[in-house]
Amino acid sequence: MTSISLTPEELEAMLDRAARRGAKQALSAIGLHDTNAAKDINEMRDLLEVWRDTRKGIWTTFVKVTTIAIITFIAGAVWMQLGNK
């Protein structure tokens, strides 16, 4: 068996090439290998931001509607009690 020796610079260059090749393959596998990849990623980030804002808005609306429903129920109960006297 022969021994292979690499200088630290050669090893680093080889690892760098392998990392770049792996990154290119990974991006290609998910469809982000062309010139529009940066635009696609920005659009995905924008969509994620809109989704988070929408989810927050839905939660806020739900809390408001629930609060108004409870207050309306209490007001109705008080009105009915005052109406019976």
N, C-alpha and C. Protein backbone atom coordinates (compact mmCIF):
# COMPACT_ATOMS: atom_id res chain seq x y z
N MET A 1 0.85 -1.17 0.00
CA MET A 1 0.00 0.00 0.00
C MET A 1 0.90 1.24 0.00
N THR A 2 0.58 2.19 -0.86
CA THR A 2 1.40 3.40 -0.96
C THR A 2 0.82 4.48 -0.07
N SER A 3 1.69 5.31 0.40
CA SER A 3 1.29 6.41 1.27
C SER A 3 1.20 7.68 0.44
N ILE A 4 0.11 8.40 0.65
CA ILE A 4 -0.08 9.67 -0.06
C ILE A 4 0.13 10.79 0.94
N SER A 5 0.93 11.73 0.56
CA SER A 5 1.15 12.86 1.46
C SER A 5 0.75 14.15 0.75
N LEU A 6 0.04 14.96 1.46
CA LEU A 6 -0.42 16.25 0.93
C LEU A 6 0.06 17.36 1.85
N THR A 7 0.37 18.47 1.24
CA THR A 7 0.70 19.63 2.05
C THR A 7 -0.60 20.20 2.59
N PRO A 8 -0.56 20.97 3.66
CA PRO A 8 -1.78 21.57 4.19
C PRO A 8 -2.52 22.41 3.14
N GLU A 9 -1.77 23.09 2.27
CA GLU A 9 -2.38 23.90 1.23
C GLU A 9 -3.10 23.04 0.22
N GLU A 10 -2.49 21.91 -0.17
CA GLU A 10 -3.12 20.99 -1.11
C GLU A 10 -4.39 20.38 -0.51
N LEU A 11 -4.30 19.99 0.75
CA LEU A 11 -5.47 19.42 1.43
C LEU A 11 -6.60 20.44 1.51
N GLU A 12 -6.26 21.68 1.85
CA GLU A 12 -7.28 22.73 1.94
C GLU A 12 -7.91 23.00 0.57
N ALA A 13 -7.10 23.03 -0.47
CA ALA A 13 -7.62 23.25 -1.82
C ALA A 13 -8.53 22.09 -2.24
N MET A 14 -8.15 20.87 -1.91
CA MET A 14 -8.97 19.71 -2.26
C MET A 14 -10.30 19.75 -1.51
N LEU A 15 -10.26 20.08 -0.24
CA LEU A 15 -11.48 20.18 0.56
C LEU A 15 -12.38 21.31 0.05
N ASP A 16 -11.77 22.40 -0.35
CA ASP A 16 -12.53 23.54 -0.87
C ASP A 16 -13.25 23.14 -2.17
N ARG A 17 -12.54 22.46 -3.07
CA ARG A 17 -13.16 22.00 -4.32
C ARG A 17 -14.31 21.04 -4.04
N ALA A 18 -14.10 20.13 -3.10
CA ALA A 18 -15.14 19.15 -2.77
C ALA A 18 -16.36 19.84 -2.17
N ALA A 19 -16.12 20.83 -1.32
CA ALA A 19 -17.23 21.57 -0.70
C ALA A 19 -18.01 22.35 -1.75
N ARG A 20 -17.31 22.99 -2.66
CA ARG A 20 -17.98 23.73 -3.73
C ARG A 20 -18.80 22.79 -4.62
N ARG A 21 -18.22 21.66 -4.96
CA ARG A 21 -18.92 20.68 -5.80
C ARG A 21 -20.17 20.17 -5.08
N GLY A 22 -20.04 19.88 -3.81
CA GLY A 22 -21.19 19.41 -3.04
C GLY A 22 -22.28 20.47 -2.93
N ALA A 23 -21.88 21.72 -2.71
CA ALA A 23 -22.86 22.81 -2.63
C ALA A 23 -23.59 22.98 -3.96
N LYS A 24 -22.85 22.91 -5.07
CA LYS A 24 -23.48 23.03 -6.39
C LYS A 24 -24.47 21.89 -6.63
N GLN A 25 -24.11 20.69 -6.23
CA GLN A 25 -25.01 19.55 -6.41
C GLN A 25 -26.26 19.70 -5.53
N ALA A 26 -26.08 20.18 -4.31
CA ALA A 26 -27.22 20.36 -3.42
C ALA A 26 -28.17 21.43 -3.96
N LEU A 27 -27.62 22.54 -4.42
CA LEU A 27 -28.46 23.60 -5.00
C LEU A 27 -29.15 23.11 -6.27
N SER A 28 -28.45 22.35 -7.07
CA SER A 28 -29.05 21.81 -8.29
C SER A 28 -30.19 20.85 -7.95
N ALA A 29 -30.03 20.07 -6.89
CA ALA A 29 -31.06 19.10 -6.51
C ALA A 29 -32.36 19.77 -6.09
N ILE A 30 -32.27 20.99 -5.57
CA ILE A 30 -33.50 21.69 -5.15
C ILE A 30 -33.90 22.77 -6.15
N GLY A 31 -33.26 22.79 -7.31
CA GLY A 31 -33.67 23.70 -8.38
C GLY A 31 -33.12 25.10 -8.26
N LEU A 32 -32.07 25.30 -7.51
CA LEU A 32 -31.49 26.63 -7.35
C LEU A 32 -30.09 26.70 -7.97
N HIS A 33 -29.97 26.20 -9.18
CA HIS A 33 -28.67 26.14 -9.83
C HIS A 33 -28.49 27.14 -10.96
N ASP A 34 -29.55 27.85 -11.32
CA ASP A 34 -29.45 28.75 -12.47
C ASP A 34 -29.23 30.20 -12.04
N THR A 35 -29.27 31.10 -13.00
CA THR A 35 -29.01 32.51 -12.72
C THR A 35 -30.15 33.18 -11.95
N ASN A 36 -31.32 32.55 -11.93
CA ASN A 36 -32.45 33.12 -11.20
C ASN A 36 -32.50 32.67 -9.75
N ALA A 37 -31.51 31.93 -9.29
CA ALA A 37 -31.53 31.37 -7.94
C ALA A 37 -31.62 32.46 -6.87
N ALA A 38 -30.86 33.53 -7.01
CA ALA A 38 -30.90 34.60 -6.01
C ALA A 38 -32.28 35.24 -5.96
N LYS A 39 -32.88 35.45 -7.13
CA LYS A 39 -34.23 36.01 -7.19
C LYS A 39 -35.23 35.06 -6.54
N ASP A 40 -35.08 33.76 -6.81
CA ASP A 40 -35.98 32.76 -6.22
C ASP A 40 -35.88 32.75 -4.69
N ILE A 41 -34.67 32.82 -4.19
CA ILE A 41 -34.48 32.82 -2.73
C ILE A 41 -35.08 34.08 -2.12
N ASN A 42 -34.89 35.23 -2.76
CA ASN A 42 -35.49 36.46 -2.25
C ASN A 42 -37.01 36.38 -2.25
N GLU A 43 -37.58 35.78 -3.29
CA GLU A 43 -39.03 35.61 -3.35
C GLU A 43 -39.51 34.68 -2.24
N MET A 44 -38.76 33.62 -1.98
CA MET A 44 -39.15 32.72 -0.89
C MET A 44 -39.08 33.42 0.46
N ARG A 45 -38.08 34.25 0.66
CA ARG A 45 -37.98 35.02 1.91
C ARG A 45 -39.15 35.99 2.04
N ASP A 46 -39.51 36.64 0.93
CA ASP A 46 -40.66 37.55 0.95
C ASP A 46 -41.95 36.79 1.28
N LEU A 47 -42.13 35.62 0.67
CA LEU A 47 -43.32 34.82 0.94
C LEU A 47 -43.37 34.38 2.40
N LEU A 48 -42.23 34.02 2.94
CA LEU A 48 -42.17 33.62 4.35
C LEU A 48 -42.52 34.79 5.26
N GLU A 49 -42.03 35.97 4.93
CA GLU A 49 -42.34 37.16 5.72
C GLU A 49 -43.84 37.49 5.66
N VAL A 50 -44.42 37.39 4.47
CA VAL A 50 -45.86 37.64 4.31
C VAL A 50 -46.66 36.61 5.10
N TRP A 51 -46.24 35.35 5.05
CA TRP A 51 -46.93 34.30 5.80
C TRP A 51 -46.89 34.60 7.29
N ARG A 52 -45.74 35.00 7.81
CA ARG A 52 -45.61 35.32 9.24
C ARG A 52 -46.50 36.50 9.61
N ASP A 53 -46.52 37.53 8.77
CA ASP A 53 -47.38 38.69 9.03
C ASP A 53 -48.85 38.30 9.01
N THR A 54 -49.23 37.45 8.05
CA THR A 54 -50.61 37.00 7.94
C THR A 54 -51.01 36.18 9.16
N ARG A 55 -50.15 35.29 9.57
CA ARG A 55 -50.43 34.46 10.74
C ARG A 55 -50.60 35.33 11.99
N LYS A 56 -49.75 36.33 12.13
CA LYS A 56 -49.86 37.25 13.26
C LYS A 56 -51.18 38.02 13.19
N GLY A 57 -51.55 38.46 12.00
CA GLY A 57 -52.80 39.20 11.82
C GLY A 57 -54.02 38.34 12.12
N ILE A 58 -53.98 37.08 11.71
CA ILE A 58 -55.09 36.16 11.99
C ILE A 58 -55.23 35.96 13.50
N TRP A 59 -54.12 35.77 14.19
CA TRP A 59 -54.16 35.58 15.63
C TRP A 59 -54.72 36.82 16.32
N THR A 60 -54.29 37.99 15.90
CA THR A 60 -54.78 39.24 16.49
C THR A 60 -56.28 39.39 16.26
N THR A 61 -56.72 39.09 15.05
CA THR A 61 -58.15 39.17 14.74
C THR A 61 -58.95 38.17 15.58
N PHE A 62 -58.45 36.97 15.74
CA PHE A 62 -59.13 35.97 16.54
C PHE A 62 -59.29 36.44 17.99
N VAL A 63 -58.25 37.01 18.55
CA VAL A 63 -58.31 37.51 19.93
C VAL A 63 -59.33 38.65 20.03
N LYS A 64 -59.33 39.55 19.07
CA LYS A 64 -60.29 40.67 19.09
C LYS A 64 -61.72 40.18 19.00
N VAL A 65 -61.99 39.27 18.07
CA VAL A 65 -63.35 38.74 17.89
C VAL A 65 -63.80 38.01 19.15
N THR A 66 -62.92 37.21 19.73
CA THR A 66 -63.26 36.48 20.95
C THR A 66 -63.56 37.45 22.09
N THR A 67 -62.77 38.47 22.23
CA THR A 67 -62.98 39.46 23.28
C THR A 67 -64.31 40.18 23.09
N ILE A 68 -64.59 40.59 21.88
CA ILE A 68 -65.86 41.28 21.59
C ILE A 68 -67.04 40.35 21.87
N ALA A 69 -66.91 39.07 21.51
CA ALA A 69 -68.00 38.11 21.76
C ALA A 69 -68.25 37.95 23.25
N ILE A 70 -67.20 37.88 24.03
CA ILE A 70 -67.35 37.74 25.49
C ILE A 70 -67.99 38.98 26.08
N ILE A 71 -67.52 40.15 25.67
CA ILE A 71 -68.09 41.41 26.18
C ILE A 71 -69.56 41.53 25.76
N THR A 72 -69.89 41.14 24.54
CA THR A 72 -71.29 41.17 24.08
C THR A 72 -72.15 40.22 24.90
N PHE A 73 -71.65 39.03 25.18
CA PHE A 73 -72.39 38.08 26.00
C PHE A 73 -72.64 38.65 27.40
N ILE A 74 -71.62 39.24 28.00
CA ILE A 74 -71.77 39.83 29.34
C ILE A 74 -72.77 40.97 29.30
N ALA A 75 -72.66 41.84 28.28
CA ALA A 75 -73.60 42.97 28.17
C ALA A 75 -75.02 42.46 27.98
N GLY A 76 -75.20 41.42 27.17
CA GLY A 76 -76.53 40.84 26.97
C GLY A 76 -77.08 40.25 28.24
N ALA A 77 -76.25 39.57 29.01
CA ALA A 77 -76.70 38.99 30.28
C ALA A 77 -77.10 40.09 31.26
N VAL A 78 -76.34 41.15 31.34
CA VAL A 78 -76.67 42.27 32.23
C VAL A 78 -77.97 42.93 31.77
N TRP A 79 -78.13 43.12 30.46
CA TRP A 79 -79.35 43.73 29.94
C TRP A 79 -80.58 42.88 30.25
N MET A 80 -80.43 41.56 30.11
CA MET A 80 -81.56 40.66 30.41
C MET A 80 -81.88 40.69 31.90
N GLN A 81 -80.89 40.78 32.74
CA GLN A 81 -81.14 40.84 34.19
C GLN A 81 -81.83 42.15 34.56
N LEU A 82 -81.41 43.23 33.95
CA LEU A 82 -82.03 44.52 34.24
C LEU A 82 -83.42 44.59 33.66
N GLY A 83 -83.67 43.91 32.57
CA GLY A 83 -84.98 43.88 31.94
C GLY A 83 -86.00 43.08 32.74
N ASN A 84 -85.53 42.12 33.52
CA ASN A 84 -86.43 41.27 34.32
C ASN A 84 -86.87 41.95 35.61
N LYS A 85 -86.27 43.00 35.99
CA LYS A 85 -86.61 43.66 37.27
C LYS A 85 -87.61 44.74 37.11
